[in-house]
Protein backbone atom coordinates (compact mmCIF):
# COMPACT_ATOMS: atom_id res chain seq x y z
CA UNK A 1 -45.01 -20.78 -20.60
CA UNK A 2 -46.19 -23.32 -18.56
CA UNK A 3 -43.54 -25.98 -16.71
CA UNK A 4 -44.68 -29.38 -14.96
CA UNK A 5 -42.48 -30.48 -12.31
CA UNK A 6 -42.51 -33.58 -9.92
CA UNK A 7 -43.23 -32.31 -6.31
CA UNK A 8 -39.72 -33.99 -4.92
CA UNK A 9 -37.62 -32.04 -7.96
CA UNK A 10 -35.49 -30.14 -5.81
CA UNK A 11 -35.34 -26.27 -6.83
CA UNK A 12 -37.16 -26.30 -9.67
CA UNK A 13 -38.44 -22.84 -9.65
CA UNK A 14 -34.69 -21.51 -9.12
CA UNK A 15 -34.21 -23.42 -12.07
CA UNK A 16 -36.87 -23.03 -14.32
CA UNK A 17 -39.66 -19.81 -13.63
CA UNK A 18 -36.97 -17.67 -15.90
CA UNK A 19 -38.99 -19.88 -18.56
CA UNK A 20 -42.41 -19.03 -17.19
CA UNK A 21 -44.46 -20.66 -14.44
CA UNK A 22 -43.62 -23.81 -12.51
CA UNK A 23 -46.40 -25.91 -11.24
CA UNK A 24 -45.78 -28.85 -8.74
CA UNK A 25 -47.66 -31.86 -8.80
CA UNK A 26 -47.17 -35.11 -7.26
CA UNK A 27 -45.08 -37.52 -10.06
CA UNK A 28 -47.34 -40.86 -9.45
CA UNK A 29 -50.37 -38.82 -9.55
CA UNK A 30 -49.68 -36.75 -12.97
CA UNK A 31 -52.80 -36.54 -15.65
CA UNK A 32 -53.38 -35.83 -18.83
CA UNK A 33 -55.46 -32.96 -18.11
CA UNK A 34 -52.54 -31.50 -15.99
CA UNK A 35 -50.37 -30.87 -19.05
CA UNK A 36 -53.12 -29.66 -21.68
CA UNK A 37 -51.45 -26.37 -21.38
CA UNK A 38 -47.95 -27.17 -20.41
CA UNK A 39 -44.83 -26.51 -22.86
CA UNK A 40 -42.52 -28.92 -20.66
CA UNK A 41 -43.04 -31.53 -18.52
CA UNK A 42 -40.18 -32.96 -15.73
CA UNK A 43 -40.35 -35.79 -14.16
CA UNK A 44 -38.81 -38.29 -12.19
CA UNK A 45 -38.90 -42.12 -11.83
CA UNK A 46 -42.69 -42.52 -10.63
CA UNK A 47 -44.21 -41.02 -13.61
CA UNK A 48 -44.90 -43.17 -16.51
CA UNK A 49 -44.09 -41.12 -19.60
CA UNK A 50 -46.18 -42.12 -22.96
CA UNK A 51 -48.70 -41.54 -25.31
CA UNK A 52 -51.41 -41.78 -22.49
CA UNK A 53 -50.16 -39.33 -20.62
CA UNK A 54 -48.60 -37.06 -23.49
CA UNK A 55 -51.53 -37.29 -26.46
CA UNK A 56 -53.34 -34.15 -26.79
CA UNK A 57 -51.44 -31.97 -24.78
CA UNK A 58 -49.29 -28.86 -25.45
CA UNK A 59 -45.92 -30.78 -23.80
CA UNK A 60 -43.08 -30.39 -26.40
CA UNK A 61 -40.10 -31.42 -24.01
CA UNK A 62 -39.34 -33.82 -21.45
CA UNK A 63 -37.02 -33.94 -18.88
CA UNK A 64 -36.31 -36.88 -16.37
CA UNK A 65 -33.49 -36.36 -13.31
CA UNK A 66 -33.03 -39.35 -13.31
CA UNK A 67 -30.38 -41.79 -14.58
CA UNK A 68 -32.24 -44.45 -16.15
CA UNK A 69 -35.58 -43.84 -18.54
CA UNK A 70 -37.26 -47.00 -19.03
CA UNK A 71 -40.32 -45.21 -17.19
CA UNK A 72 -40.13 -43.14 -20.38
CA UNK A 73 -41.84 -44.42 -24.05
CA UNK A 74 -38.75 -42.88 -25.86
CA UNK A 75 -40.10 -44.44 -29.55
CA UNK A 76 -43.87 -42.76 -28.85
CA UNK A 77 -41.73 -39.38 -27.96
CA UNK A 78 -39.94 -39.67 -30.94
CA UNK A 79 -42.52 -40.27 -32.98
CA UNK A 80 -44.75 -36.69 -31.32
CA UNK A 81 -41.83 -34.94 -32.31
CA UNK A 82 -41.32 -34.28 -28.12
CA UNK A 83 -37.88 -33.75 -27.42
CA UNK A 84 -36.33 -35.69 -24.25
CA UNK A 85 -33.68 -35.57 -21.34
CA UNK A 86 -32.26 -37.21 -18.62
CA UNK A 87 -29.27 -36.98 -16.26
CA UNK A 88 -27.01 -40.11 -16.44
CA UNK A 89 -24.53 -40.44 -13.26
CA UNK A 90 -26.65 -37.66 -11.47
CA UNK A 91 -26.81 -39.73 -7.96
CA UNK A 92 -24.33 -42.08 -9.05
CA UNK A 93 -22.00 -41.04 -5.86
CA UNK A 94 -25.02 -41.07 -3.80
CA UNK A 95 -25.40 -44.64 -4.79
CA UNK A 96 -22.07 -45.73 -4.02
CA UNK A 97 -22.31 -44.01 -0.42
CA UNK A 98 -25.16 -46.16 -0.15
CA UNK A 99 -23.79 -49.23 -1.05
CA UNK A 100 -20.47 -48.64 0.91
CA UNK A 101 -22.74 -47.99 3.88
CA UNK A 102 -24.50 -50.76 3.68
CA UNK A 103 -21.46 -53.46 3.39
CA UNK A 104 -20.26 -51.71 6.57
CA UNK A 105 -23.51 -52.23 8.54
CA UNK A 106 -23.80 -56.08 7.36
CA UNK A 107 -20.23 -56.52 8.46
CA UNK A 108 -21.36 -55.33 11.58
CA UNK A 109 -24.59 -57.02 11.98
CA UNK A 110 -23.57 -60.21 10.13
CA UNK A 111 -19.54 -60.43 10.83
CA UNK A 112 -18.66 -60.27 7.18
CA UNK A 113 -14.87 -60.04 6.22
CA UNK A 114 -15.00 -57.41 3.94
CA UNK A 115 -11.18 -57.28 3.90
CA UNK A 116 -10.89 -61.14 2.34
CA UNK A 117 -14.18 -60.87 0.10
CA UNK A 118 -14.49 -60.63 -3.94
CA UNK A 119 -17.64 -58.46 -5.33
CA UNK A 120 -19.28 -59.19 -8.14
CA UNK A 121 -20.41 -56.15 -9.99
CA UNK A 122 -23.41 -56.32 -12.51
CA UNK A 123 -23.09 -53.62 -14.59
CA UNK A 124 -20.26 -50.93 -15.32
CA UNK A 125 -21.94 -48.01 -15.82
CA UNK A 126 -21.90 -44.82 -14.05
CA UNK A 127 -22.80 -46.16 -10.81
CA UNK A 128 -21.07 -49.78 -11.41
CA UNK A 129 -17.58 -48.00 -12.66
CA UNK A 130 -17.67 -46.00 -9.65
CA UNK A 131 -18.40 -48.26 -7.25
CA UNK A 132 -15.64 -50.61 -8.87
CA UNK A 133 -12.78 -48.16 -8.64
CA UNK A 134 -13.69 -47.22 -4.67
CA UNK A 135 -13.79 -51.00 -3.81
CA UNK A 136 -10.66 -51.41 -5.71
CA UNK A 137 -9.08 -48.39 -3.49
CA UNK A 138 -9.80 -50.55 -0.55
CA UNK A 139 -7.94 -53.08 -1.73
CA UNK A 140 -10.71 -55.18 -2.48
CA UNK A 141 -11.34 -58.21 -5.21
CA UNK A 142 -13.80 -56.90 -7.50
CA UNK A 143 -15.35 -59.04 -10.55
CA UNK A 144 -17.15 -57.19 -13.38
CA UNK A 145 -19.93 -58.23 -15.83
CA UNK A 146 -21.60 -56.00 -18.61
CA UNK A 147 -22.13 -57.93 -21.74
CA UNK A 148 -23.64 -55.06 -24.14
CA UNK A 149 -20.16 -53.18 -22.72
CA UNK A 150 -17.78 -56.26 -23.44
CA UNK A 151 -19.43 -56.87 -27.26
CA UNK A 152 -19.03 -53.24 -27.34
CA UNK A 153 -14.74 -53.60 -26.49
CA UNK A 154 -15.03 -56.73 -28.86
CA UNK A 155 -16.16 -54.53 -32.34
CA UNK A 156 -13.53 -52.15 -31.48
CA UNK A 157 -11.09 -54.65 -31.19
CA UNK A 158 -10.82 -53.75 -27.88
CA UNK A 159 -9.28 -57.26 -26.82
CA UNK A 160 -7.66 -56.60 -23.56
CA UNK A 161 -10.65 -54.12 -22.13
CA UNK A 162 -13.05 -57.02 -23.31
CA UNK A 163 -10.70 -59.61 -21.21
CA UNK A 164 -11.27 -57.67 -18.40
CA UNK A 165 -15.27 -58.89 -18.05
CA UNK A 166 -16.48 -61.99 -16.34
CA UNK A 167 -19.07 -63.74 -17.03
CA UNK A 168 -22.48 -63.64 -15.10
CA UNK A 169 -22.03 -67.14 -13.56
CA UNK A 170 -18.41 -66.01 -12.37
CA UNK A 171 -20.11 -63.24 -10.91
CA UNK A 172 -22.46 -64.82 -9.11
CA UNK A 173 -19.76 -67.11 -7.35
CA UNK A 174 -18.54 -63.88 -5.65
CA UNK A 175 -19.05 -63.25 -1.34
CA UNK A 176 -21.16 -60.14 -2.37
CA UNK A 177 -22.94 -59.31 -5.60
CA UNK A 178 -23.84 -55.52 -6.33
CA UNK A 179 -26.44 -54.92 -9.17
CA UNK A 180 -26.48 -51.71 -11.85
CA UNK A 181 -28.25 -52.29 -14.38
CA UNK A 182 -30.97 -50.49 -16.07
CA UNK A 183 -34.91 -52.05 -16.61
CA UNK A 184 -34.57 -53.97 -19.89
CA UNK A 185 -37.52 -56.87 -20.70
CA UNK A 186 -36.45 -58.20 -24.31
CA UNK A 187 -33.81 -58.91 -26.27
CA UNK A 188 -29.96 -60.56 -25.35
CA UNK A 189 -29.13 -57.77 -22.81
CA UNK A 190 -32.70 -57.85 -20.78
CA UNK A 191 -32.11 -57.60 -16.95
CA UNK A 192 -35.81 -58.68 -16.40
CA UNK A 193 -35.44 -61.53 -13.81
CA UNK A 194 -31.80 -61.46 -14.45
CA UNK A 195 -31.61 -63.08 -10.60
CA UNK A 196 -34.00 -65.87 -11.10
CA UNK A 197 -34.70 -69.10 -8.91
CA UNK A 198 -32.21 -71.12 -10.31
CA UNK A 199 -29.20 -68.31 -9.49
CA UNK A 200 -30.50 -67.60 -6.48
CA UNK A 201 -30.26 -71.44 -5.23
CA UNK A 202 -26.73 -71.31 -6.71
CA UNK A 203 -25.57 -68.41 -5.10
CA UNK A 204 -22.44 -69.61 -2.54
CA UNK A 205 -23.18 -70.01 1.18
CA UNK A 206 -22.80 -66.42 3.22
CA UNK A 207 -23.29 -64.84 0.31
CA UNK A 208 -24.68 -61.02 -0.21
CA UNK A 209 -27.14 -59.43 -2.52
CA UNK A 210 -27.64 -55.54 -2.90
CA UNK A 211 -29.75 -54.27 -5.78
CA UNK A 212 -30.18 -50.63 -6.17
CA UNK A 213 -30.68 -50.85 -9.50
CA UNK A 214 -34.81 -52.24 -10.58
CA UNK A 215 -36.93 -54.27 -8.53
CA UNK A 216 -37.57 -56.56 -11.58
CA UNK A 217 -34.19 -57.24 -11.64
CA UNK A 218 -34.78 -59.92 -9.15
CA UNK A 219 -37.57 -62.28 -9.10
CA UNK A 220 -39.11 -60.94 -6.12
CA UNK A 221 -40.64 -64.03 -5.49
CA UNK A 222 -37.94 -66.57 -6.00
CA UNK A 223 -36.09 -64.44 -4.02
CA UNK A 224 -38.71 -64.79 -1.04
CA UNK A 225 -39.30 -68.44 -1.37
CA UNK A 226 -34.86 -69.01 -0.94
CA UNK A 227 -34.65 -66.56 1.45
CA UNK A 228 -37.58 -69.06 3.68
CA UNK A 229 -34.72 -72.00 3.09
CA UNK A 230 -31.35 -70.06 3.20
CA UNK A 231 -30.84 -68.46 6.33
CA UNK A 232 -27.01 -67.74 5.71
CA UNK A 233 -27.98 -65.39 2.99
CA UNK A 234 -28.03 -61.52 3.47
CA UNK A 235 -29.94 -59.25 1.15
CA UNK A 236 -30.24 -55.27 0.57
CA UNK A 237 -33.28 -54.55 -1.58
CA UNK A 238 -33.61 -50.71 -2.14
CA UNK A 239 -35.82 -51.71 -5.10
CA UNK A 240 -38.37 -53.54 -5.59
CA UNK A 241 -41.05 -55.19 -7.85
CA UNK A 242 -44.59 -53.44 -8.26
CA UNK A 243 -43.28 -50.51 -6.60
CA UNK A 244 -44.75 -49.22 -4.32
CA UNK A 245 -47.04 -52.15 -3.27
CA UNK A 246 -43.91 -54.28 -2.38
CA UNK A 247 -44.03 -57.73 -1.36
CA UNK A 248 -44.57 -57.37 2.81
CA UNK A 249 -43.17 -60.63 3.60
CA UNK A 250 -39.62 -60.71 1.39
CA UNK A 251 -39.47 -57.45 3.04
CA UNK A 252 -39.31 -59.27 6.18
CA UNK A 253 -36.69 -61.60 5.58
CA UNK A 254 -33.99 -59.29 4.15
CA UNK A 255 -31.22 -57.60 6.03
CA UNK A 256 -31.77 -54.11 4.72
CA UNK A 257 -34.95 -52.72 3.29
CA UNK A 258 -35.32 -48.97 1.99
CA UNK A 259 -38.06 -47.50 -0.12
CA UNK A 260 -35.96 -46.61 -3.41
CA UNK A 261 -33.61 -43.77 -1.69
CA UNK A 262 -29.84 -45.11 -2.65
CA UNK A 263 -29.74 -42.16 -4.81
CA UNK A 264 -31.76 -39.49 -2.94
CA UNK A 265 -29.20 -37.60 -2.16
CA UNK A 266 -29.86 -33.83 -2.13
CA UNK A 267 -26.86 -33.39 -3.79
CA UNK A 268 -27.72 -35.94 -6.35
CA UNK A 269 -31.19 -34.70 -6.70
CA UNK A 270 -30.14 -30.94 -7.23
CA UNK A 271 -27.57 -32.36 -10.00
CA UNK A 272 -30.01 -34.10 -11.73
CA UNK A 273 -32.51 -30.99 -11.82
CA UNK A 274 -29.21 -29.14 -13.27
CA UNK A 275 -28.51 -31.51 -15.92
CA UNK A 276 -32.37 -31.26 -17.09
CA UNK A 277 -32.46 -27.69 -16.92
CA UNK A 278 -29.07 -27.69 -19.23
CA UNK A 279 -30.78 -29.95 -21.57
CA UNK A 280 -33.93 -27.32 -21.98
CA UNK A 281 -31.94 -24.62 -21.94
CA UNK A 282 -30.16 -26.48 -25.14
CA UNK A 283 -33.91 -27.30 -26.03
CA UNK A 284 -34.74 -23.44 -26.53
CA UNK A 285 -31.60 -22.41 -28.30
CA UNK A 286 -30.55 -20.70 -25.11
CA UNK A 287 -27.41 -20.01 -22.74
CA UNK A 288 -27.23 -22.06 -19.73
CA UNK A 289 -27.03 -19.20 -17.15
CA UNK A 290 -27.53 -20.76 -13.90
CA UNK A 291 -25.36 -23.26 -12.26
CA UNK A 292 -25.74 -25.44 -9.23
CA UNK A 293 -23.44 -22.86 -6.95
CA UNK A 294 -26.25 -19.90 -7.50
CA UNK A 295 -28.87 -21.86 -5.72
CA UNK A 296 -27.59 -24.29 -3.66
CA UNK A 297 -28.66 -23.21 0.07
CA UNK A 298 -26.03 -22.45 2.67
CA UNK A 299 -28.33 -24.06 5.67
CA UNK A 300 -28.43 -27.69 3.95
CA UNK A 301 -24.46 -27.92 4.61
CA UNK A 302 -23.49 -30.76 6.86
CA UNK A 303 -20.12 -31.46 9.06
CA UNK A 304 -18.60 -33.93 10.74
CA UNK A 305 -16.58 -33.57 13.92
CA UNK A 306 -14.18 -36.52 13.70
CA UNK A 307 -13.52 -35.69 17.60
CA UNK A 308 -16.55 -35.63 18.89
CA UNK A 309 -17.40 -39.14 17.32
CA UNK A 310 -14.32 -40.40 18.79
CA UNK A 311 -15.01 -39.02 22.34
CA UNK A 312 -17.33 -41.56 22.94
CA UNK A 313 -15.48 -44.47 21.56
CA UNK A 314 -12.87 -46.26 18.68
CA UNK A 315 -13.10 -44.44 15.48
CA UNK A 316 -14.07 -46.57 12.33
CA UNK A 317 -15.58 -45.97 8.96
CA UNK A 318 -18.99 -46.74 10.13
CA UNK A 319 -19.05 -44.64 13.19
CA UNK A 320 -17.96 -41.57 10.58
CA UNK A 321 -20.96 -42.64 7.83
CA UNK A 322 -23.27 -43.04 10.29
CA UNK A 323 -22.65 -39.55 11.65
CA UNK A 324 -23.74 -38.43 8.19
CA UNK A 325 -26.03 -41.36 6.76
CA UNK A 326 -27.76 -43.84 9.22
CA UNK A 327 -29.45 -45.82 6.51
CA UNK A 328 -30.72 -47.61 8.90
CA UNK A 329 -33.07 -45.04 9.51
CA UNK A 330 -34.27 -45.60 5.98
CA UNK A 331 -34.50 -49.44 6.98
CA UNK A 332 -36.91 -48.60 10.45
CA UNK A 333 -39.18 -45.65 8.14
CA UNK A 334 -39.72 -48.64 5.29
CA UNK A 335 -40.66 -51.45 7.79
CA UNK A 336 -43.12 -49.14 9.95
CA UNK A 337 -45.49 -49.38 6.83
CA UNK A 338 -45.71 -52.77 5.57
CA UNK A 339 -48.37 -52.98 8.47
CA UNK A 340 -50.71 -50.19 7.25
CA UNK A 341 -53.81 -51.47 4.53
CA UNK A 342 -52.66 -51.67 1.18
CA UNK A 343 -53.88 -48.38 -0.06
CA UNK A 344 -52.13 -46.69 3.00
CA UNK A 345 -48.63 -48.43 2.63
CA UNK A 346 -48.54 -46.99 -1.31
CA UNK A 347 -49.11 -43.58 0.18
CA UNK A 348 -47.16 -44.18 3.01
CA UNK A 349 -44.28 -45.45 0.70
CA UNK A 350 -44.51 -42.01 -1.08
CA UNK A 351 -44.42 -39.72 1.88
CA UNK A 352 -41.11 -41.80 2.50
CA UNK A 353 -38.98 -39.97 -0.64
CA UNK A 354 -41.66 -36.88 -0.64
CA UNK A 355 -40.18 -35.99 2.90
CA UNK A 356 -36.63 -37.46 2.90
CA UNK A 357 -34.55 -36.16 5.42
CA UNK A 358 -31.45 -33.85 3.96
CA UNK A 359 -28.72 -36.19 3.20
CA UNK A 360 -25.58 -34.94 1.93
CA UNK A 361 -22.70 -37.06 -0.48
CA UNK A 362 -19.90 -37.51 1.66
CA UNK A 363 -17.24 -36.36 -0.43
CA UNK A 364 -19.36 -32.53 0.34
CA UNK A 365 -19.38 -32.86 4.23
CA UNK A 366 -17.50 -30.47 5.97
CA UNK A 367 -14.79 -32.16 8.24
CA UNK A 368 -13.94 -31.07 11.88
CA UNK A 369 -10.55 -32.17 13.52
CA UNK A 370 -9.12 -34.16 10.28
CA UNK A 371 -5.61 -34.06 11.61
CA UNK A 372 -6.63 -35.85 14.88
CA UNK A 373 -8.76 -38.62 13.17
CA UNK A 374 -5.75 -39.13 10.73
CA UNK A 375 -3.40 -40.18 13.72
CA UNK A 376 -6.75 -41.99 15.90
CA UNK A 377 -7.79 -44.30 13.31
CA UNK A 378 -6.10 -47.60 11.49
CA UNK A 379 -5.21 -47.24 7.69
CA UNK A 380 -7.79 -49.85 6.74
CA UNK A 381 -10.69 -47.63 8.02
CA UNK A 382 -9.12 -44.96 6.75
CA UNK A 383 -8.83 -46.74 2.91
CA UNK A 384 -12.99 -47.26 3.43
CA UNK A 385 -13.43 -43.10 4.18
CA UNK A 386 -11.63 -42.21 1.64
CA UNK A 387 -13.17 -45.14 -1.02
CA UNK A 388 -16.44 -43.58 0.17
CA UNK A 389 -15.81 -40.08 -1.29
CA UNK A 390 -14.55 -38.24 2.51
CA UNK A 391 -12.11 -35.73 1.40
CA UNK A 392 -9.21 -36.81 4.30
């Protein structure tokens, strides 16, 4: 049995070598010829899986270690009798970590009063719902918009739940708006260019926009035009139209620009691999025999010493988070590629992802001198840490 996997999928050998030979390839460069004699294909979001890739191959199973499947032609797979599985929610905690880190960085840089802000969340799936819970734990006012989910509640007659949702216009009037929707190009719930020129123009003064979902959810050309005229807006973009060849001028105008790594934690990627492994076991009619704890590498453990951080200045949530995840390193890494020639920029974008540094989710971090920290930090800062996932 031959299993082709994206080279960025961690611990693939540990999970899949028991089934046969594991062949690692760059996800964006996998070809039909590579799959001619393959039994299974395990990908991430950069591989377009369709008839052009799979026709005349022996692939019978496709697993995507991602929360979304817009890179997969599900209709073709169904017609061709090819089974498919994804990993919904695998990196949801990592994305929430990213959003909270970016909020605190923007607060530090621009002086946004987060405790008095209203946050609008567009999309209440695995990520959006966890972000909503985290922000409510901090004490921040949250509005949510998810028309498909709202309609589902209405059809079930659950009016109390349906009434908890706000319209898109109400959410876009918030101080901060964070997008967590799938890529949908047509139909009543299309998300392509959901934030278009008119809606961008209508954003309130000093608003902050965060997009960690799909690049085309925001009209990138329109966003560039609006930012050229409105310096009051703050923007955090992890996803871009036309990845990996993103708009250099737009990147120069946003506050935080990162190379599609919001969910790229070590833990999130392993959870994705494990979920695909479990699905493949079910496809083969075999019992899942390997757990994450069986294969995770001890050297990947990461800790934070609260006392060491506090010894060099006031203890704040941002300083503690920076000790684990410095989001501005991702920003600087992407910006360093923007002056390269086009072909080099494409390769550089993928290299940033391929060689991404170790990043643990906050809930997995080993904490030292917790008692000292609890005596040295304010209650408001502590709420941010707990909402971010730190067990303190």
